Amino acid sequence: MIQKTVLPLFLFALTASAQEDFSKFKSRNRILVFSTTSLQNENFTAQWDQFKSASKKLDDRNIIIFALSKGRIYDKDLKVVSSYHIAPLRKKYKIPLGYEGITLIGKDGGLKLQKQYAIEPRLIFEVIDQMPMRQREMRQNIDE
């Protein structure tokens, strides 16, 4: 009897972790996904480096960055994050195969902006700073 109960729970846990997506960041973080056909692509590396050098501004806006390339997702250190299934992420956030650009996902989990490379970090920060949730965050930071 115990085996009949444990096996389905184990399979459910295994499936749930394998289908992990960005929802664990919902309400806490904004996500920037840098899509590229190659991590060595000059447009990608230039954009990646520009944003990485703006780490204070990323932190102030609760932004986490990921790279999406060749069916894999990479963290800010360009290390593979193995628990993500790419096809559902591409579908949910409308990121086509071969797309070269940035996708901004809000704290509500919604798609906020997609732009092809090259885009100035300042423009992304301005878009975020106009969002109602960010406006509240800035007011709270002033009051504290």
Protein backbone atom coordinates (compact mmCIF):
# COMPACT_ATOMS: atom_id res chain seq x y z
CA MET A 1 0.00 0.00 0.00
CA ILE A 2 2.81 2.42 0.85
CA GLN A 3 4.46 1.73 -2.52
CA LYS A 4 1.25 2.64 -4.35
CA THR A 5 1.19 6.01 -2.58
CA VAL A 6 4.90 6.84 -2.71
CA LEU A 7 5.44 6.18 -6.43
CA PRO A 8 2.80 8.66 -7.68
CA LEU A 9 4.08 11.32 -5.25
CA PHE A 10 7.64 10.74 -6.40
CA LEU A 11 6.64 10.95 -10.08
CA PHE A 12 4.65 14.14 -9.43
CA ALA A 13 7.61 15.76 -7.63
CA LEU A 14 9.96 14.74 -10.43
CA THR A 15 7.64 16.13 -13.11
CA ALA A 16 7.00 19.38 -11.20
CA SER A 17 10.70 20.11 -10.78
CA ALA A 18 11.47 19.25 -14.41
CA GLN A 19 8.86 21.76 -15.60
CA GLU A 20 10.19 24.63 -13.53
CA ASP A 21 9.70 28.05 -15.04
CA PHE A 22 10.09 31.65 -13.94
CA SER A 23 7.00 31.54 -11.71
CA LYS A 24 9.17 31.07 -8.61
CA PHE A 25 10.39 34.64 -9.14
CA LYS A 26 6.86 36.03 -9.50
CA SER A 27 6.15 39.12 -7.39
CA ARG A 28 9.79 39.33 -6.23
CA ASN A 29 11.78 39.82 -9.42
CA ARG A 30 11.65 41.15 -12.92
CA ILE A 31 13.39 38.95 -15.46
CA LEU A 32 15.40 39.88 -18.53
CA VAL A 33 15.91 37.03 -20.97
CA PHE A 34 18.66 37.56 -23.53
CA SER A 35 17.95 35.30 -26.50
CA THR A 36 20.67 34.38 -28.96
CA THR A 37 21.61 31.65 -31.39
CA SER A 38 25.12 31.59 -29.89
CA LEU A 39 26.67 32.78 -26.63
CA GLN A 40 29.60 33.98 -28.76
CA ASN A 41 27.37 36.21 -30.92
CA GLU A 42 28.83 39.74 -30.84
CA ASN A 43 25.44 41.43 -30.46
CA PHE A 44 24.57 39.17 -27.53
CA THR A 45 27.93 39.58 -25.77
CA ALA A 46 27.84 43.36 -26.16
CA GLN A 47 24.32 43.55 -24.68
CA TRP A 48 25.09 41.05 -21.94
CA ASP A 49 28.21 42.99 -20.90
CA GLN A 50 26.34 46.33 -20.91
CA PHE A 51 23.68 45.00 -18.57
CA LYS A 52 26.10 43.08 -16.35
CA SER A 53 28.08 46.30 -15.85
CA ALA A 54 24.87 47.98 -14.62
CA SER A 55 24.48 45.56 -11.71
CA LYS A 56 23.48 48.28 -9.22
CA LYS A 57 20.61 49.38 -11.48
CA LEU A 58 19.59 45.76 -12.00
CA ASP A 59 19.58 45.17 -8.24
CA ASP A 60 17.64 48.40 -7.56
CA ARG A 61 14.90 47.18 -9.91
CA ASN A 62 14.97 43.56 -8.71
CA ILE A 63 16.05 42.32 -12.14
CA ILE A 64 17.47 38.84 -12.69
CA ILE A 65 19.10 38.12 -16.04
CA PHE A 66 19.12 34.87 -18.00
CA ALA A 67 20.43 33.90 -21.42
CA LEU A 68 18.53 31.60 -23.75
CA SER A 69 20.52 29.84 -26.44
CA LYS A 70 20.34 26.55 -28.34
CA GLY A 71 17.61 25.05 -26.20
CA ARG A 72 19.25 25.89 -22.89
CA ILE A 73 18.82 28.61 -20.32
CA TYR A 74 21.81 30.11 -18.54
CA ASP A 75 22.07 32.09 -15.32
CA LYS A 76 23.89 35.41 -14.82
CA ASP A 77 27.23 33.56 -14.75
CA LEU A 78 26.34 31.80 -18.03
CA LYS A 79 26.05 28.45 -16.30
CA VAL A 80 23.35 26.09 -17.56
CA VAL A 81 20.20 25.96 -15.45
CA SER A 82 19.16 22.38 -16.09
CA SER A 83 15.71 22.38 -14.50
CA TYR A 84 14.02 24.62 -17.08
CA HIS A 85 12.06 23.33 -20.05
CA ILE A 86 12.62 25.78 -22.86
CA ALA A 87 9.66 25.06 -25.16
CA PRO A 88 7.01 26.13 -22.60
CA LEU A 89 9.05 29.27 -21.77
CA ARG A 90 9.33 30.18 -25.44
CA LYS A 91 5.60 29.66 -25.92
CA LYS A 92 4.50 31.52 -22.79
CA TYR A 93 6.70 34.55 -23.46
CA LYS A 94 6.44 34.47 -27.27
CA ILE A 95 10.19 34.00 -27.87
CA PRO A 96 10.60 32.51 -31.35
CA LEU A 97 13.45 30.20 -32.33
CA GLY A 98 16.32 32.21 -33.75
CA TYR A 99 15.23 35.39 -31.92
CA GLU A 100 18.08 37.77 -31.15
CA GLY A 101 16.94 40.18 -28.48
CA ILE A 102 15.72 40.90 -24.98
CA THR A 103 12.46 39.85 -23.34
CA LEU A 104 11.36 41.66 -20.19
CA ILE A 105 9.07 39.76 -17.82
CA GLY A 106 7.39 41.70 -15.04
CA LYS A 107 6.92 40.80 -11.40
CA ASP A 108 3.39 39.76 -12.30
CA GLY A 109 4.84 37.13 -14.66
CA GLY A 110 3.60 38.94 -17.75
CA LEU A 111 5.49 39.81 -20.89
CA LYS A 112 6.32 43.54 -20.69
CA LEU A 113 8.68 44.20 -23.59
CA GLN A 114 10.56 42.50 -26.39
CA LYS A 115 13.25 44.27 -28.37
CA GLN A 116 15.84 43.02 -30.80
CA TYR A 117 19.50 43.80 -30.15
CA ALA A 118 20.88 46.46 -29.72
CA ILE A 119 19.04 48.26 -26.99
CA GLU A 120 20.46 50.64 -24.43
CA PRO A 121 20.07 49.47 -20.82
CA ARG A 122 18.78 52.95 -20.02
CA LEU A 123 15.70 52.30 -22.19
CA ILE A 124 14.85 49.10 -20.32
CA PHE A 125 15.28 50.87 -16.99
CA GLU A 126 13.01 53.70 -18.15
CA VAL A 127 10.30 51.22 -19.21
CA ILE A 128 10.50 49.56 -15.79
CA ASP A 129 10.51 52.88 -13.94
CA GLN A 130 7.20 53.79 -15.63
CA MET A 131 5.47 50.64 -14.35
CA PRO A 132 2.97 51.20 -11.50
CA MET A 133 4.60 48.56 -9.29
CA ARG A 134 8.02 50.19 -9.76
CA GLN A 135 6.52 53.61 -8.99
CA ARG A 136 5.27 52.20 -5.66
CA GLU A 137 8.68 50.69 -4.95
CA MET A 138 10.40 54.02 -5.55
CA ARG A 139 7.91 55.85 -3.26
CA GLN A 140 8.47 53.25 -0.54
CA ASN A 141 12.25 53.63 -0.83
CA ILE A 142 11.92 57.41 -0.38
CA ASP A 143 9.72 56.94 2.70
CA GLU A 144 12.10 54.50 4.38
